[in-house]
Amino acid sequence: MGRPSAGSSAERTAARLAKRISAFSKEHGGAEGQIAHLGERGARIVLVGEDGGWGDVVAPDMEIAAKAVEKSGITVHEDFDGEFAAKVRTGPYEWSRMAGIQVGGPRNS
């Protein structure tokens, strides 16, 4: 038997990512996503659950990311804004880490 082709490796990677996306969707009552190009690092698939929970997965490239979201069956948005972004629910951890200094939260030093 020969070496696996790059195409079959990409398919396996997309299938693994789709499985993770589907698990997130099931855990959060459904999910939507947006794919963002990360340059040489690949592509980030931002996931937002129907319950406001959020997370992400990183794919090696945009093509694999697109295949993964297609296999998972989630709705994909062009941009992370508007009604889609408004679904994200943040908690105390996010506020203290991302905006804490600006809104009087704990200092990061």
N, C-alpha and C. Protein backbone atom coordinates (compact mmCIF):
# COMPACT_ATOMS: atom_id res chain seq x y z
N MET A 1 0.83 -1.17 0.00
CA MET A 1 0.00 0.00 0.00
C MET A 1 0.88 1.24 0.00
N GLY A 2 0.46 2.27 -0.72
CA GLY A 2 1.21 3.51 -0.80
C GLY A 2 0.88 4.45 0.33
N ARG A 3 1.56 5.55 0.31
CA ARG A 3 1.30 6.61 1.29
C ARG A 3 -0.07 7.20 1.07
N PRO A 4 -0.75 7.65 2.13
CA PRO A 4 -2.03 8.31 1.95
C PRO A 4 -1.83 9.63 1.21
N SER A 5 -2.77 9.98 0.38
CA SER A 5 -2.67 11.23 -0.36
C SER A 5 -2.96 12.40 0.54
N ALA A 6 -2.51 13.57 0.12
CA ALA A 6 -2.78 14.79 0.88
C ALA A 6 -4.28 15.02 0.97
N GLY A 7 -5.01 14.64 -0.08
CA GLY A 7 -6.46 14.80 -0.09
C GLY A 7 -7.13 13.98 0.99
N SER A 8 -6.69 12.73 1.17
CA SER A 8 -7.32 11.89 2.20
C SER A 8 -6.97 12.40 3.60
N SER A 9 -5.78 12.94 3.76
CA SER A 9 -5.39 13.53 5.04
C SER A 9 -6.26 14.75 5.34
N ALA A 10 -6.49 15.58 4.34
CA ALA A 10 -7.35 16.77 4.51
C ALA A 10 -8.77 16.35 4.84
N GLU A 11 -9.26 15.29 4.20
CA GLU A 11 -10.61 14.79 4.49
C GLU A 11 -10.73 14.30 5.93
N ARG A 12 -9.70 13.59 6.40
CA ARG A 12 -9.71 13.10 7.78
C ARG A 12 -9.69 14.27 8.76
N THR A 13 -8.87 15.27 8.47
CA THR A 13 -8.80 16.44 9.34
C THR A 13 -10.15 17.15 9.37
N ALA A 14 -10.75 17.34 8.21
CA ALA A 14 -12.07 18.00 8.14
C ALA A 14 -13.11 17.20 8.91
N ALA A 15 -13.06 15.88 8.80
CA ALA A 15 -14.02 15.02 9.50
C ALA A 15 -13.83 15.13 11.02
N ARG A 16 -12.57 15.17 11.49
CA ARG A 16 -12.31 15.32 12.93
C ARG A 16 -12.83 16.67 13.43
N LEU A 17 -12.58 17.72 12.68
CA LEU A 17 -13.06 19.05 13.07
C LEU A 17 -14.58 19.09 13.07
N ALA A 18 -15.20 18.48 12.06
CA ALA A 18 -16.67 18.46 11.98
C ALA A 18 -17.26 17.74 13.18
N LYS A 19 -16.60 16.70 13.64
CA LYS A 19 -17.06 15.96 14.81
C LYS A 19 -17.02 16.86 16.05
N ARG A 20 -15.95 17.64 16.20
CA ARG A 20 -15.84 18.57 17.33
C ARG A 20 -16.90 19.67 17.25
N ILE A 21 -17.12 20.18 16.03
CA ILE A 21 -18.13 21.22 15.82
C ILE A 21 -19.51 20.67 16.15
N SER A 22 -19.81 19.47 15.68
CA SER A 22 -21.11 18.85 15.95
C SER A 22 -21.32 18.61 17.44
N ALA A 23 -20.26 18.20 18.15
CA ALA A 23 -20.36 17.98 19.60
C ALA A 23 -20.65 19.30 20.30
N PHE A 24 -19.99 20.38 19.88
CA PHE A 24 -20.25 21.70 20.45
C PHE A 24 -21.70 22.09 20.20
N SER A 25 -22.16 21.90 18.99
CA SER A 25 -23.53 22.25 18.63
C SER A 25 -24.54 21.48 19.48
N LYS A 26 -24.31 20.19 19.66
CA LYS A 26 -25.21 19.38 20.47
C LYS A 26 -25.23 19.85 21.92
N GLU A 27 -24.06 20.18 22.44
CA GLU A 27 -23.95 20.62 23.84
C GLU A 27 -24.62 21.97 24.08
N HIS A 28 -24.70 22.81 23.05
CA HIS A 28 -25.21 24.17 23.20
C HIS A 28 -26.55 24.41 22.51
N GLY A 29 -27.28 23.34 22.19
CA GLY A 29 -28.61 23.49 21.61
C GLY A 29 -28.61 24.01 20.18
N GLY A 30 -27.55 23.75 19.46
CA GLY A 30 -27.38 24.25 18.09
C GLY A 30 -26.23 25.24 18.07
N ALA A 31 -25.72 25.51 16.88
CA ALA A 31 -24.60 26.43 16.77
C ALA A 31 -24.55 27.06 15.39
N GLU A 32 -23.89 28.20 15.33
CA GLU A 32 -23.58 28.89 14.09
C GLU A 32 -22.10 29.19 14.13
N GLY A 33 -21.51 29.51 12.99
CA GLY A 33 -20.08 29.78 12.98
C GLY A 33 -19.66 30.81 11.96
N GLN A 34 -18.39 31.17 12.04
CA GLN A 34 -17.76 32.08 11.10
C GLN A 34 -16.31 31.65 10.96
N ILE A 35 -15.82 31.64 9.74
CA ILE A 35 -14.45 31.23 9.47
C ILE A 35 -13.60 32.48 9.26
N ALA A 36 -12.48 32.56 9.98
CA ALA A 36 -11.57 33.69 9.84
C ALA A 36 -10.19 33.18 9.44
N HIS A 37 -9.59 33.81 8.45
CA HIS A 37 -8.26 33.44 7.97
C HIS A 37 -7.22 33.88 9.00
N LEU A 38 -6.31 32.98 9.36
CA LEU A 38 -5.26 33.27 10.34
C LEU A 38 -3.88 33.39 9.69
N GLY A 39 -3.83 33.59 8.40
CA GLY A 39 -2.54 33.65 7.72
C GLY A 39 -1.92 32.27 7.62
N GLU A 40 -0.62 32.18 7.85
CA GLU A 40 0.07 30.90 7.74
C GLU A 40 -0.39 29.89 8.78
N ARG A 41 -1.02 30.36 9.85
CA ARG A 41 -1.45 29.47 10.93
C ARG A 41 -2.71 28.69 10.57
N GLY A 42 -3.44 29.10 9.54
CA GLY A 42 -4.63 28.37 9.14
C GLY A 42 -5.87 29.21 9.18
N ALA A 43 -6.94 28.63 9.71
CA ALA A 43 -8.24 29.29 9.77
C ALA A 43 -8.90 28.99 11.11
N ARG A 44 -9.53 29.98 11.67
CA ARG A 44 -10.23 29.84 12.95
C ARG A 44 -11.72 29.76 12.68
N ILE A 45 -12.35 28.73 13.22
CA ILE A 45 -13.80 28.60 13.11
C ILE A 45 -14.37 29.00 14.47
N VAL A 46 -14.99 30.18 14.51
CA VAL A 46 -15.61 30.67 15.74
C VAL A 46 -17.01 30.09 15.81
N LEU A 47 -17.35 29.49 16.94
CA LEU A 47 -18.65 28.86 17.13
C LEU A 47 -19.44 29.58 18.21
N VAL A 48 -20.72 29.81 17.93
CA VAL A 48 -21.61 30.42 18.92
C VAL A 48 -22.83 29.51 19.04
N GLY A 49 -23.07 29.03 20.26
CA GLY A 49 -24.20 28.15 20.52
C GLY A 49 -25.49 28.92 20.68
N GLU A 50 -26.60 28.23 20.54
CA GLU A 50 -27.91 28.86 20.74
C GLU A 50 -28.08 29.37 22.15
N ASP A 51 -27.34 28.80 23.11
CA ASP A 51 -27.42 29.24 24.49
C ASP A 51 -26.46 30.40 24.80
N GLY A 52 -25.75 30.88 23.78
CA GLY A 52 -24.81 31.98 23.97
C GLY A 52 -23.39 31.54 24.26
N GLY A 53 -23.19 30.23 24.52
CA GLY A 53 -21.84 29.71 24.74
C GLY A 53 -21.04 29.84 23.46
N TRP A 54 -19.74 29.99 23.60
CA TRP A 54 -18.92 30.15 22.40
C TRP A 54 -17.59 29.43 22.57
N GLY A 55 -16.96 29.19 21.44
CA GLY A 55 -15.68 28.52 21.42
C GLY A 55 -15.12 28.60 20.01
N ASP A 56 -14.03 27.93 19.78
CA ASP A 56 -13.46 27.92 18.45
C ASP A 56 -12.63 26.67 18.23
N VAL A 57 -12.38 26.39 16.97
CA VAL A 57 -11.45 25.34 16.56
C VAL A 57 -10.59 25.93 15.46
N VAL A 58 -9.38 25.43 15.32
CA VAL A 58 -8.48 25.93 14.29
C VAL A 58 -8.21 24.82 13.28
N ALA A 59 -8.34 25.18 12.01
CA ALA A 59 -8.08 24.27 10.91
C ALA A 59 -6.76 24.67 10.24
N PRO A 60 -6.10 23.73 9.58
CA PRO A 60 -4.83 24.06 8.93
C PRO A 60 -4.95 25.06 7.78
N ASP A 61 -6.13 25.13 7.15
CA ASP A 61 -6.32 26.09 6.07
C ASP A 61 -7.81 26.37 5.86
N MET A 62 -8.10 27.35 5.02
CA MET A 62 -9.49 27.78 4.78
C MET A 62 -10.31 26.67 4.12
N GLU A 63 -9.71 25.92 3.23
CA GLU A 63 -10.44 24.85 2.53
C GLU A 63 -10.89 23.77 3.50
N ILE A 64 -10.02 23.35 4.39
CA ILE A 64 -10.38 22.33 5.37
C ILE A 64 -11.43 22.88 6.33
N ALA A 65 -11.30 24.14 6.72
CA ALA A 65 -12.30 24.77 7.59
C ALA A 65 -13.67 24.76 6.92
N ALA A 66 -13.71 25.12 5.65
CA ALA A 66 -14.99 25.14 4.92
C ALA A 66 -15.59 23.74 4.83
N LYS A 67 -14.76 22.73 4.58
CA LYS A 67 -15.25 21.35 4.52
C LYS A 67 -15.79 20.92 5.88
N ALA A 68 -15.11 21.30 6.95
CA ALA A 68 -15.52 20.91 8.30
C ALA A 68 -16.88 21.49 8.64
N VAL A 69 -17.10 22.78 8.38
CA VAL A 69 -18.40 23.36 8.73
C VAL A 69 -19.49 22.80 7.83
N GLU A 70 -19.15 22.50 6.57
CA GLU A 70 -20.14 21.89 5.68
C GLU A 70 -20.56 20.52 6.20
N LYS A 71 -19.58 19.71 6.60
CA LYS A 71 -19.88 18.37 7.13
C LYS A 71 -20.68 18.43 8.43
N SER A 72 -20.43 19.46 9.24
CA SER A 72 -21.13 19.57 10.53
C SER A 72 -22.56 20.06 10.36
N GLY A 73 -22.84 20.76 9.28
CA GLY A 73 -24.20 21.21 8.99
C GLY A 73 -24.60 22.51 9.69
N ILE A 74 -23.66 23.21 10.31
CA ILE A 74 -24.02 24.46 10.98
C ILE A 74 -24.16 25.59 9.95
N THR A 75 -24.86 26.64 10.35
CA THR A 75 -24.97 27.85 9.54
C THR A 75 -23.66 28.62 9.67
N VAL A 76 -23.15 29.10 8.55
CA VAL A 76 -21.90 29.85 8.54
C VAL A 76 -22.18 31.29 8.09
N HIS A 77 -21.64 32.23 8.85
CA HIS A 77 -21.79 33.65 8.54
C HIS A 77 -20.53 34.18 7.88
N GLU A 78 -20.70 35.18 7.01
CA GLU A 78 -19.56 35.81 6.36
C GLU A 78 -18.73 36.63 7.34
N ASP A 79 -19.43 37.31 8.27
CA ASP A 79 -18.77 38.20 9.21
C ASP A 79 -19.22 37.89 10.64
N PHE A 80 -18.40 38.28 11.59
CA PHE A 80 -18.76 38.12 12.99
C PHE A 80 -19.28 39.46 13.50
N ASP A 81 -20.53 39.75 13.16
CA ASP A 81 -21.12 41.02 13.58
C ASP A 81 -22.63 40.90 13.64
N GLY A 82 -23.28 41.99 13.98
CA GLY A 82 -24.74 42.06 14.00
C GLY A 82 -25.38 41.07 14.94
N GLU A 83 -26.50 40.49 14.48
CA GLU A 83 -27.27 39.56 15.31
C GLU A 83 -26.44 38.34 15.72
N PHE A 84 -25.57 37.89 14.84
CA PHE A 84 -24.73 36.73 15.15
C PHE A 84 -23.82 37.03 16.35
N ALA A 85 -23.11 38.12 16.31
CA ALA A 85 -22.21 38.48 17.41
C ALA A 85 -22.98 38.76 18.70
N ALA A 86 -24.19 39.28 18.57
CA ALA A 86 -25.00 39.61 19.74
C ALA A 86 -25.45 38.37 20.50
N LYS A 87 -25.36 37.18 19.89
CA LYS A 87 -25.75 35.94 20.56
C LYS A 87 -24.73 35.50 21.62
N VAL A 88 -23.49 35.99 21.53
CA VAL A 88 -22.43 35.58 22.45
C VAL A 88 -22.73 36.09 23.85
N ARG A 89 -22.63 35.20 24.82
CA ARG A 89 -22.81 35.54 26.23
C ARG A 89 -21.46 35.37 26.92
N THR A 90 -21.00 36.42 27.55
CA THR A 90 -19.73 36.36 28.26
C THR A 90 -19.98 36.34 29.75
N GLY A 91 -19.03 35.83 30.47
CA GLY A 91 -19.13 35.74 31.92
C GLY A 91 -18.04 36.55 32.59
N PRO A 92 -17.92 36.40 33.90
CA PRO A 92 -16.93 37.17 34.67
C PRO A 92 -15.49 36.95 34.18
N TYR A 93 -15.16 35.71 33.80
CA TYR A 93 -13.80 35.44 33.35
C TYR A 93 -13.45 36.29 32.14
N GLU A 94 -14.33 36.30 31.13
CA GLU A 94 -14.06 37.07 29.91
C GLU A 94 -13.94 38.55 30.22
N TRP A 95 -14.83 39.06 31.07
CA TRP A 95 -14.77 40.48 31.41
C TRP A 95 -13.47 40.83 32.12
N SER A 96 -13.03 39.97 33.03
CA SER A 96 -11.81 40.29 33.77
C SER A 96 -10.57 40.17 32.89
N ARG A 97 -10.56 39.25 31.93
CA ARG A 97 -9.40 39.05 31.07
C ARG A 97 -9.38 40.00 29.88
N MET A 98 -10.52 40.23 29.24
CA MET A 98 -10.52 41.01 28.01
C MET A 98 -10.76 42.49 28.24
N ALA A 99 -11.55 42.85 29.22
CA ALA A 99 -11.89 44.26 29.39
C ALA A 99 -11.71 44.74 30.82
N GLY A 100 -11.13 43.92 31.67
CA GLY A 100 -11.03 44.26 33.08
C GLY A 100 -10.34 45.57 33.37
N ILE A 101 -9.24 45.83 32.70
CA ILE A 101 -8.50 47.05 32.96
C ILE A 101 -9.32 48.28 32.59
N GLN A 102 -10.01 48.21 31.45
CA GLN A 102 -10.76 49.35 30.95
C GLN A 102 -12.01 49.65 31.78
N VAL A 103 -12.62 48.63 32.38
CA VAL A 103 -13.87 48.86 33.12
C VAL A 103 -13.71 48.67 34.62
N GLY A 104 -12.50 48.81 35.11
CA GLY A 104 -12.26 48.77 36.55
C GLY A 104 -12.11 47.38 37.14
N GLY A 105 -11.89 46.40 36.32
CA GLY A 105 -11.69 45.03 36.82
C GLY A 105 -10.28 44.85 37.38
N PRO A 106 -9.94 43.62 37.73
CA PRO A 106 -8.62 43.37 38.31
C PRO A 106 -7.50 43.69 37.30
N ARG A 107 -6.40 44.16 37.82
CA ARG A 107 -5.25 44.47 36.95
C ARG A 107 -4.62 43.17 36.47
N ASN A 108 -4.05 43.21 35.28
CA ASN A 108 -3.42 42.03 34.70
C ASN A 108 -1.97 41.89 35.11
N SER A 109 -1.48 42.76 35.97
CA SER A 109 -0.06 42.65 36.38
C SER A 109 0.06 42.34 37.85
